[in-house]
Amino acid sequence: MRKFLFALLAAPLLFGACSDDNDESTPTLSFAKPVLALSTGSVTLDLQVSGVDLSSLASPVTVPVAFSGTAVKGSEYSVSAEQFILGGNNQSLSITVTALDNYDEAKEIVATLGSVADFIPGKNATAKISLGVKGKIMYSFSVKSMTMGAGSVQLDLYTATGAKYTAEQDIVIPIEIAEGSTAVENTNFTFEGAKQLVVAQGKSSGAITLKAGTLETGKDKVVLKTGLENNKGFVRGQYNEITVTIFGSYFSKLEGTWKMSAEGNYDPMEYANLNGSSSEYDKPTFDADMAALPAYNAKDRLIFTEEGLTTSLESTLKNFFRENSGISNGGEFTLYSMSGKIPVQLILLDNVNRYFSAIEQSQDTEAYIGVRFKDGDANKMEMYFIDFDSKSFLIDKLYYEENKPTAQYYPYISFTFERETE
């Protein structure tokens, strides 16, 4: 009776040992992880091999892998290989699965090990990868319009929430010439290099450079857009197009008489308040600041000629400008406001009063101003006063850079001038 009872107790152990698919004496193949998740980037399918010393194989053994599931290989995901290699000089026990363009709904990738002679499947002969919905990338040019002789146009990338998007790998974005352009490529302007921009891995923006060519009347505007309109992984941001006004000879565009516009000017009171001058706390000083700060005057005129700049002013801009001044091109410069970047052309004046004063003249008579055409309109010019050392308003309240232009930070003294056509 005791012998019979022992046999009954031992039987499950014997049968269990015989059915164990991880028997070290039997060559077994199994995925290391049966379940993985992927939405962006890549995951790795690793193969586990037991029951055999791979270095003892007489020749390499190929383990095929079949991919199925609701996700579409080649468009929604890619694989580095469709087989494992056991033994030999090119042994490979891993396959990389990379998310591509899955932007519609969550899907599944199923990887199944194929049959291999002298090997049996282990407990994980199948691995499933959950392919999540990939977030779309928002793109926008940095500004709506800009003016340049030679310079770069920048495109920025953002997440759906508006945060900066950091490229996981280099992103090549084609650039196209859009409707509304008047300049002719390779005649009035050229692209430096390929007609594309690259957002490098780890970056959030890229740029493409344009150069001016032959200047022709009426052929000075380039409207650019991306080639992303039909790419379902991208969505338009604030500026899906940018208008670039090309300057061949920059000063030929400025020649003429310009009158101060009633619109598009800075607010002197806001400028004073932002720089620490307030009628609530120091009314006499505030009143003096407001009297000295330049303000709109319909009679103000600026006349640009080949010889330079001539002024006719009644506002306190006359305390900065002199009646005549030579001018030269100071290159391109970027200002920054609360709403974003402001690309401008710098003009170097050689006869100004950097003190902005009616009674005290600065020894240094050279200063920069920044100008750009408003929304690409060559008859509306925005002018930024970004290089001075005031002795008449906001004394000891303004921050100045040591190098020119010294007053390059927001807020700005700025005015819009309109070209007189009569």
Protein backbone atom coordinates (compact mmCIF):
# COMPACT_ATOMS: atom_id res chain seq x y z
CA MET A 1 0.00 0.00 0.00
CA ARG A 2 2.80 2.39 0.87
CA LYS A 3 4.59 1.66 -2.45
CA PHE A 4 1.39 2.39 -4.39
CA LEU A 5 0.88 5.71 -2.56
CA PHE A 6 4.50 6.76 -3.29
CA ALA A 7 4.01 6.00 -6.99
CA LEU A 8 0.90 8.18 -7.11
CA LEU A 9 2.70 11.11 -5.49
CA ALA A 10 5.78 10.84 -7.69
CA ALA A 11 3.91 10.54 -11.00
CA PRO A 12 3.08 14.29 -11.41
CA LEU A 13 6.70 15.22 -10.81
CA LEU A 14 7.92 12.80 -13.44
CA PHE A 15 5.39 13.87 -16.04
CA GLY A 16 5.99 17.56 -15.25
CA ALA A 17 9.72 17.20 -15.85
CA CYS A 18 9.11 15.55 -19.20
CA SER A 19 6.73 18.33 -20.40
CA ASP A 20 8.90 21.30 -19.34
CA ASP A 21 9.59 23.29 -22.56
CA ASN A 22 12.54 24.96 -20.89
CA ASP A 23 14.44 21.69 -20.53
CA GLU A 24 18.04 22.76 -20.76
CA SER A 25 18.82 19.71 -22.94
CA THR A 26 16.37 20.80 -25.68
CA PRO A 27 17.31 23.78 -27.94
CA THR A 28 14.53 26.30 -27.35
CA LEU A 29 13.67 29.68 -28.95
CA SER A 30 11.64 32.39 -27.23
CA PHE A 31 11.14 36.15 -27.29
CA ALA A 32 12.63 37.77 -24.18
CA LYS A 33 9.53 39.93 -23.70
CA PRO A 34 6.09 38.87 -24.93
CA VAL A 35 4.51 42.33 -24.59
CA LEU A 36 5.95 45.73 -25.54
CA ALA A 37 4.61 49.25 -26.24
CA LEU A 38 5.61 51.77 -28.90
CA SER A 39 4.36 55.18 -30.08
CA THR A 40 7.50 57.09 -31.05
CA GLY A 41 11.10 56.00 -31.48
CA SER A 42 11.93 52.28 -31.41
CA VAL A 43 11.72 49.11 -29.33
CA THR A 44 13.85 45.96 -29.57
CA LEU A 45 12.69 42.37 -29.95
CA ASP A 46 15.31 40.18 -28.30
CA LEU A 47 15.61 36.43 -28.84
CA GLN A 48 16.40 34.08 -25.97
CA VAL A 49 18.06 30.77 -26.86
CA SER A 50 18.47 27.94 -24.35
CA GLY A 51 19.63 24.35 -24.48
CA VAL A 52 22.48 24.92 -26.89
CA ASP A 53 25.88 26.60 -26.96
CA LEU A 54 25.66 28.91 -29.99
CA SER A 55 29.42 28.86 -30.44
CA SER A 56 29.20 25.11 -31.04
CA LEU A 57 26.90 25.38 -34.08
CA ALA A 58 28.53 23.97 -37.22
CA SER A 59 26.93 26.69 -39.37
CA PRO A 60 24.71 29.76 -38.82
CA VAL A 61 21.03 29.07 -38.20
CA THR A 62 18.33 31.42 -39.50
CA VAL A 63 15.23 31.99 -37.36
CA PRO A 64 12.50 33.62 -39.48
CA VAL A 65 10.10 36.10 -37.91
CA ALA A 66 6.66 36.81 -39.36
CA PHE A 67 5.05 40.20 -38.69
CA SER A 68 1.27 40.59 -38.67
CA GLY A 69 -1.40 42.48 -36.75
CA THR A 70 -3.51 45.55 -37.46
CA ALA A 71 -0.52 47.89 -37.98
CA VAL A 72 0.86 48.12 -41.52
CA LYS A 73 4.53 47.29 -41.90
CA GLY A 74 6.38 49.75 -44.10
CA SER A 75 4.05 52.71 -43.53
CA GLU A 76 3.14 52.64 -39.84
CA TYR A 77 6.23 50.84 -38.61
CA SER A 78 9.49 49.40 -39.93
CA VAL A 79 11.72 46.54 -38.85
CA SER A 80 15.50 46.26 -39.06
CA ALA A 81 15.27 42.59 -40.08
CA GLU A 82 12.80 39.73 -40.43
CA GLN A 83 15.04 37.05 -39.03
CA PHE A 84 17.48 36.26 -36.25
CA ILE A 85 20.88 34.69 -36.98
CA LEU A 86 22.31 32.14 -34.55
CA GLY A 87 26.03 31.50 -34.55
CA GLY A 88 28.61 32.50 -37.14
CA ASN A 89 30.38 35.83 -37.59
CA ASN A 90 27.13 37.78 -38.17
CA GLN A 91 25.11 36.55 -35.24
CA SER A 92 22.08 38.75 -34.55
CA LEU A 93 19.74 38.15 -31.63
CA SER A 94 17.73 41.38 -31.81
CA ILE A 95 15.37 43.17 -34.23
CA THR A 96 14.56 46.88 -33.96
CA VAL A 97 10.96 47.96 -34.56
CA THR A 98 10.53 51.69 -35.33
CA ALA A 99 7.30 53.72 -35.29
CA LEU A 100 6.62 55.56 -38.52
CA ASP A 101 3.34 57.25 -39.43
CA ASN A 102 0.68 55.95 -37.09
CA TYR A 103 -1.46 59.06 -36.53
CA ASP A 104 -5.01 57.66 -36.71
CA GLU A 105 -5.68 55.02 -34.04
CA ALA A 106 -3.89 52.62 -31.75
CA LYS A 107 -2.90 49.37 -33.47
CA GLU A 108 -1.02 46.14 -32.76
CA ILE A 109 2.08 44.47 -34.18
CA VAL A 110 2.40 40.72 -33.78
CA ALA A 111 5.80 39.03 -34.22
CA THR A 112 5.85 35.22 -34.51
CA LEU A 113 8.89 32.94 -34.55
CA GLY A 114 9.08 30.57 -37.51
CA SER A 115 9.90 26.87 -37.34
CA VAL A 116 13.56 25.88 -37.14
CA ALA A 117 14.86 22.33 -37.44
CA ASP A 118 16.21 20.86 -34.17
CA PHE A 119 14.70 23.73 -32.12
CA ILE A 120 11.37 23.94 -30.34
CA PRO A 121 9.37 27.08 -29.49
CA GLY A 122 9.54 28.31 -25.92
CA LYS A 123 6.79 29.91 -23.87
CA ASN A 124 7.07 33.23 -25.78
CA ALA A 125 6.92 32.15 -29.41
CA THR A 126 4.86 35.28 -30.10
CA ALA A 127 5.45 38.88 -29.05
CA LYS A 128 2.87 41.66 -29.26
CA ILE A 129 3.72 45.35 -29.59
CA SER A 130 1.04 47.95 -28.86
CA LEU A 131 1.51 50.74 -31.40
CA GLY A 132 0.09 53.91 -29.91
CA VAL A 133 -1.11 56.99 -31.78
CA LYS A 134 1.81 59.23 -32.67
CA GLY A 135 1.48 62.93 -31.81
CA LYS A 136 1.44 65.31 -34.76
CA ILE A 137 4.08 68.00 -35.14
CA MET A 138 3.06 71.62 -35.60
CA TYR A 139 5.21 73.79 -37.88
CA SER A 140 5.43 77.54 -38.33
CA PHE A 141 7.81 80.02 -39.90
CA SER A 142 9.27 82.27 -37.22
CA VAL A 143 7.72 85.44 -38.73
CA LYS A 144 5.06 86.28 -41.30
CA SER A 145 7.32 88.45 -43.43
CA MET A 146 10.87 89.72 -43.56
CA THR A 147 13.24 91.75 -45.69
CA MET A 148 16.72 90.60 -46.59
CA GLY A 149 19.61 91.00 -48.97
CA ALA A 150 21.02 87.64 -47.99
CA GLY A 151 19.86 85.76 -44.97
CA SER A 152 18.03 82.80 -43.49
CA VAL A 153 14.38 81.90 -43.17
CA GLN A 154 13.62 79.92 -40.01
CA LEU A 155 10.98 77.25 -39.45
CA ASP A 156 10.06 76.17 -35.90
CA LEU A 157 8.48 72.90 -34.72
CA TYR A 158 6.04 72.53 -31.83
CA THR A 159 4.01 69.82 -30.13
CA ALA A 160 0.22 69.86 -30.23
CA THR A 161 0.25 71.69 -26.87
CA GLY A 162 2.44 74.49 -28.22
CA ALA A 163 5.66 73.42 -26.52
CA LYS A 164 8.84 73.25 -28.59
CA TYR A 165 9.22 69.90 -30.32
CA THR A 166 12.65 68.28 -30.10
CA ALA A 167 13.50 66.21 -33.16
CA GLU A 168 14.26 62.56 -32.36
CA GLN A 169 16.23 62.34 -35.61
CA ASP A 170 17.08 64.70 -38.47
CA ILE A 171 13.89 65.95 -40.13
CA VAL A 172 14.24 67.11 -43.75
CA ILE A 173 11.51 69.56 -44.77
CA PRO A 174 11.10 70.51 -48.44
CA ILE A 175 10.58 74.19 -49.22
CA GLU A 176 8.41 75.36 -52.11
CA ILE A 177 7.74 78.68 -53.82
CA ALA A 178 4.09 79.62 -53.28
CA GLU A 179 1.59 81.69 -55.23
CA GLY A 180 2.10 85.42 -54.92
CA SER A 181 5.84 85.37 -55.58
CA THR A 182 7.10 87.91 -58.07
CA ALA A 183 10.85 87.23 -57.88
CA VAL A 184 12.23 84.61 -60.26
CA GLU A 185 14.42 81.86 -58.83
CA ASN A 186 18.00 81.82 -60.16
CA THR A 187 17.49 85.31 -61.59
CA ASN A 188 16.30 87.62 -58.81
CA PHE A 189 17.31 85.27 -56.00
CA THR A 190 18.86 81.88 -55.32
CA PHE A 191 18.70 79.28 -52.59
CA GLU A 192 21.98 78.38 -50.94
CA GLY A 193 22.14 74.63 -51.33
CA ALA A 194 19.14 72.32 -51.71
CA LYS A 195 15.61 73.69 -51.56
CA GLN A 196 15.00 72.27 -48.12
CA LEU A 197 15.76 72.88 -44.49
CA VAL A 198 16.86 70.38 -41.87
CA VAL A 199 15.78 70.27 -38.25
CA ALA A 200 18.70 68.40 -36.76
CA GLN A 201 18.29 65.73 -34.11
CA GLY A 202 17.88 67.36 -30.72
CA LYS A 203 16.85 70.72 -32.23
CA SER A 204 13.51 72.49 -32.61
CA SER A 205 14.11 74.61 -35.70
CA GLY A 206 15.89 74.72 -39.03
CA ALA A 207 16.72 77.38 -41.61
CA ILE A 208 17.20 77.89 -45.34
CA THR A 209 19.33 80.67 -46.80
CA LEU A 210 18.42 82.94 -49.71
CA LYS A 211 20.67 85.30 -51.66
CA ALA A 212 19.66 88.29 -53.76
CA GLY A 213 20.30 88.23 -57.50
CA THR A 214 19.50 90.76 -60.21
CA LEU A 215 17.21 93.54 -58.97
CA GLU A 216 14.21 94.17 -61.19
CA THR A 217 11.27 96.47 -60.55
CA GLY A 218 8.26 94.52 -59.34
CA LYS A 219 10.22 91.29 -58.94
CA ASP A 220 11.30 91.44 -55.34
CA LYS A 221 8.91 89.17 -53.38
CA VAL A 222 9.33 85.48 -52.62
CA VAL A 223 6.51 83.62 -50.89
CA LEU A 224 7.70 80.36 -49.36
CA LYS A 225 5.79 77.40 -47.98
CA THR A 226 6.70 73.89 -46.89
CA GLY A 227 6.01 70.67 -48.73
CA LEU A 228 4.23 69.30 -45.66
CA GLU A 229 0.63 70.02 -46.64
CA ASN A 230 -0.11 66.38 -47.49
CA ASN A 231 2.01 64.89 -44.71
CA LYS A 232 -0.44 63.66 -42.09
CA GLY A 233 2.25 63.79 -39.40
CA PHE A 234 2.37 67.61 -39.51
CA VAL A 235 -0.16 70.38 -38.94
CA ARG A 236 0.04 74.08 -39.75
CA GLY A 237 1.00 76.54 -37.06
CA GLN A 238 0.70 80.33 -36.98
CA TYR A 239 2.65 81.06 -40.15
CA ASN A 240 2.45 78.35 -42.80
CA GLU A 241 3.87 80.81 -45.38
CA ILE A 242 6.43 83.60 -45.24
CA THR A 243 6.83 86.57 -47.58
CA VAL A 244 10.45 87.58 -48.14
CA THR A 245 11.20 90.93 -49.74
CA ILE A 246 14.51 90.66 -51.54
CA PHE A 247 16.89 93.60 -51.47
CA GLY A 248 19.43 93.79 -54.24
CA SER A 249 20.74 97.24 -53.46
CA TYR A 250 19.16 97.86 -50.07
CA PHE A 251 19.30 101.63 -50.12
CA SER A 252 17.65 101.90 -53.52
CA LYS A 253 14.52 100.61 -51.76
CA LEU A 254 14.69 103.38 -49.19
CA GLU A 255 15.11 106.28 -51.59
CA GLY A 256 12.26 108.77 -51.35
CA THR A 257 10.35 110.82 -48.81
CA TRP A 258 8.73 109.12 -45.85
CA LYS A 259 6.08 110.64 -43.57
CA MET A 260 5.28 109.46 -40.08
CA SER A 261 2.16 107.31 -40.00
CA ALA A 262 -0.61 107.78 -37.45
CA GLU A 263 -0.76 104.01 -36.97
CA GLY A 264 1.74 101.32 -36.04
CA ASN A 265 3.74 103.42 -33.56
CA TYR A 266 4.88 102.60 -30.06
CA ASP A 267 2.98 103.97 -27.05
CA PRO A 268 5.18 106.47 -25.13
CA MET A 269 3.21 106.03 -21.89
CA GLU A 270 3.42 102.25 -22.02
CA TYR A 271 7.14 102.50 -22.81
CA ALA A 272 7.67 104.79 -19.80
CA ASN A 273 5.64 102.54 -17.48
CA LEU A 274 7.47 99.40 -18.58
CA ASN A 275 10.75 101.12 -17.84
CA GLY A 276 9.79 102.20 -14.33
CA SER A 277 8.38 105.70 -14.83
CA SER A 278 4.92 106.24 -13.34
CA SER A 279 2.76 109.27 -12.64
CA GLU A 280 1.43 107.49 -9.56
CA TYR A 281 4.79 107.44 -7.79
CA ASP A 282 6.77 110.33 -9.31
CA LYS A 283 4.60 112.62 -11.40
CA PRO A 284 7.18 115.39 -12.05
CA THR A 285 9.73 112.89 -13.40
CA PHE A 286 7.05 111.07 -15.35
CA ASP A 287 5.85 114.33 -16.93
CA ALA A 288 9.42 115.17 -17.91
CA ASP A 289 9.87 111.72 -19.44
CA MET A 290 6.66 112.06 -21.44
CA ALA A 291 7.67 115.48 -22.72
CA ALA A 292 11.05 114.22 -23.92
CA LEU A 293 9.96 110.88 -25.39
CA PRO A 294 9.32 111.12 -29.14
CA ALA A 295 5.67 110.90 -30.15
CA TYR A 296 3.66 110.92 -33.35
CA ASN A 297 3.83 114.11 -35.39
CA ALA A 298 2.15 114.26 -38.79
CA LYS A 299 4.71 116.80 -40.04
CA ASP A 300 7.78 114.60 -39.50
CA ARG A 301 9.59 113.66 -42.71
CA LEU A 302 12.62 111.49 -43.54
CA ILE A 303 14.22 111.81 -46.98
CA PHE A 304 16.56 109.05 -48.15
CA THR A 305 18.79 109.73 -51.14
CA GLU A 306 21.96 108.21 -52.59
CA GLU A 307 23.92 110.72 -50.50
CA GLY A 308 22.29 109.79 -47.22
CA LEU A 309 19.46 110.89 -44.94
CA THR A 310 17.90 114.36 -44.66
CA THR A 311 15.29 115.09 -41.99
CA SER A 312 12.49 117.56 -41.40
CA LEU A 313 11.19 116.96 -37.89
CA GLU A 314 8.97 118.61 -35.30
CA SER A 315 8.76 115.73 -32.82
CA THR A 316 11.57 115.11 -30.35
CA LEU A 317 13.09 112.74 -32.91
CA LYS A 318 14.92 115.92 -33.88
CA ASN A 319 16.93 115.47 -30.68
CA PHE A 320 18.33 112.23 -32.12
CA PHE A 321 18.54 112.87 -35.86
CA ARG A 322 20.52 115.73 -37.27
CA GLU A 323 19.47 117.53 -40.43
CA ASN A 324 21.81 115.43 -42.55
CA SER A 325 23.56 112.12 -42.03
CA GLY A 326 25.51 109.64 -44.07
CA ILE A 327 24.20 106.09 -44.07
CA SER A 328 25.64 102.63 -44.61
CA ASN A 329 24.31 99.09 -44.46
CA GLY A 330 24.78 97.59 -40.99
CA GLY A 331 23.65 94.07 -41.91
CA GLU A 332 20.80 91.99 -40.60
CA PHE A 333 19.73 91.85 -36.96
CA THR A 334 17.01 90.18 -34.91
CA LEU A 335 15.02 91.94 -32.22
CA TYR A 336 12.73 90.18 -29.77
CA SER A 337 9.30 91.27 -28.56
CA MET A 338 6.58 89.67 -26.46
CA SER A 339 5.03 88.29 -29.66
CA GLY A 340 8.24 86.85 -31.13
CA LYS A 341 11.18 87.70 -33.35
CA ILE A 342 11.54 90.91 -35.35
CA PRO A 343 14.11 90.61 -38.17
CA VAL A 344 15.41 94.02 -39.24
CA GLN A 345 18.03 95.59 -41.44
CA LEU A 346 20.47 97.80 -39.56
CA ILE A 347 21.36 101.22 -40.97
CA LEU A 348 24.41 102.95 -39.56
CA LEU A 349 24.01 106.72 -39.32
CA ASP A 350 27.15 108.84 -38.96
CA ASN A 351 25.64 112.10 -37.64
CA VAL A 352 23.22 111.71 -34.73
CA ASN A 353 22.95 112.70 -31.09
CA ARG A 354 23.04 109.47 -29.11
CA TYR A 355 21.89 111.38 -26.01
CA PHE A 356 18.45 112.12 -27.52
CA SER A 357 18.91 115.57 -25.99
CA ALA A 358 18.10 119.14 -27.01
CA ILE A 359 20.90 120.58 -24.89
CA GLU A 360 23.70 118.01 -24.73
CA GLN A 361 25.47 116.49 -27.74
CA SER A 362 27.16 113.09 -27.61
CA GLN A 363 30.76 112.88 -28.75
CA ASP A 364 30.01 109.62 -30.48
CA THR A 365 27.80 110.54 -33.44
CA GLU A 366 27.32 107.08 -34.93
CA ALA A 367 24.28 104.96 -34.19
CA TYR A 368 22.22 102.16 -35.68
CA ILE A 369 18.54 102.15 -36.44
CA GLY A 370 16.63 99.01 -37.43
CA VAL A 371 14.16 99.09 -40.31
CA ARG A 372 11.90 96.62 -42.06
CA PHE A 373 9.00 96.83 -44.47
CA LYS A 374 5.70 96.23 -42.72
CA ASP A 375 4.21 92.92 -43.91
CA GLY A 376 6.50 93.07 -46.94
CA ASP A 377 4.93 96.33 -48.19
CA ALA A 378 7.78 98.46 -49.62
CA ASN A 379 5.71 101.61 -49.01
CA LYS A 380 5.39 101.08 -45.24
CA MET A 381 8.56 101.08 -43.15
CA GLU A 382 8.87 100.24 -39.47
CA MET A 383 11.79 102.00 -37.78
CA TYR A 384 13.27 100.90 -34.45
CA PHE A 385 15.49 103.15 -32.31
CA ILE A 386 17.82 100.65 -30.69
CA ASP A 387 21.14 102.44 -30.29
CA PHE A 388 21.24 105.47 -27.96
CA ASP A 389 22.09 106.63 -24.44
CA SER A 390 19.29 108.93 -23.33
CA LYS A 391 20.08 112.06 -21.31
CA SER A 392 16.56 113.47 -21.62
CA PHE A 393 14.09 110.71 -20.70
CA LEU A 394 14.10 107.68 -18.39
CA ILE A 395 17.52 108.65 -17.12
CA ASP A 396 19.14 105.78 -15.17
CA LYS A 397 16.10 103.58 -15.89
CA LEU A 398 17.03 102.04 -19.23
CA TYR A 399 19.34 99.07 -19.64
CA TYR A 400 22.11 99.46 -22.19
CA GLU A 401 24.43 96.93 -23.77
CA GLU A 402 28.11 97.76 -23.77
CA ASN A 403 28.36 97.14 -27.51
CA LYS A 404 26.19 98.62 -30.24
CA PRO A 405 23.30 98.52 -30.72
CA THR A 406 22.98 99.39 -27.05
CA ALA A 407 19.18 99.53 -26.60
CA GLN A 408 18.30 96.26 -28.35
CA TYR A 409 15.84 94.89 -25.80
CA TYR A 410 12.06 95.15 -25.58
CA PRO A 411 10.26 97.52 -25.21
CA TYR A 412 11.30 99.61 -28.22
CA ILE A 413 10.80 103.13 -29.45
CA SER A 414 9.41 102.47 -32.91
CA PHE A 415 7.48 104.32 -35.59
CA THR A 416 5.88 103.45 -38.89
CA PHE A 417 6.63 105.67 -41.88
CA GLU A 418 4.73 105.71 -45.17
CA ARG A 419 6.30 106.51 -48.50
CA GLU A 420 4.98 109.73 -50.06
CA THR A 421 3.95 108.97 -53.60
CA GLU A 422 2.85 112.44 -54.75
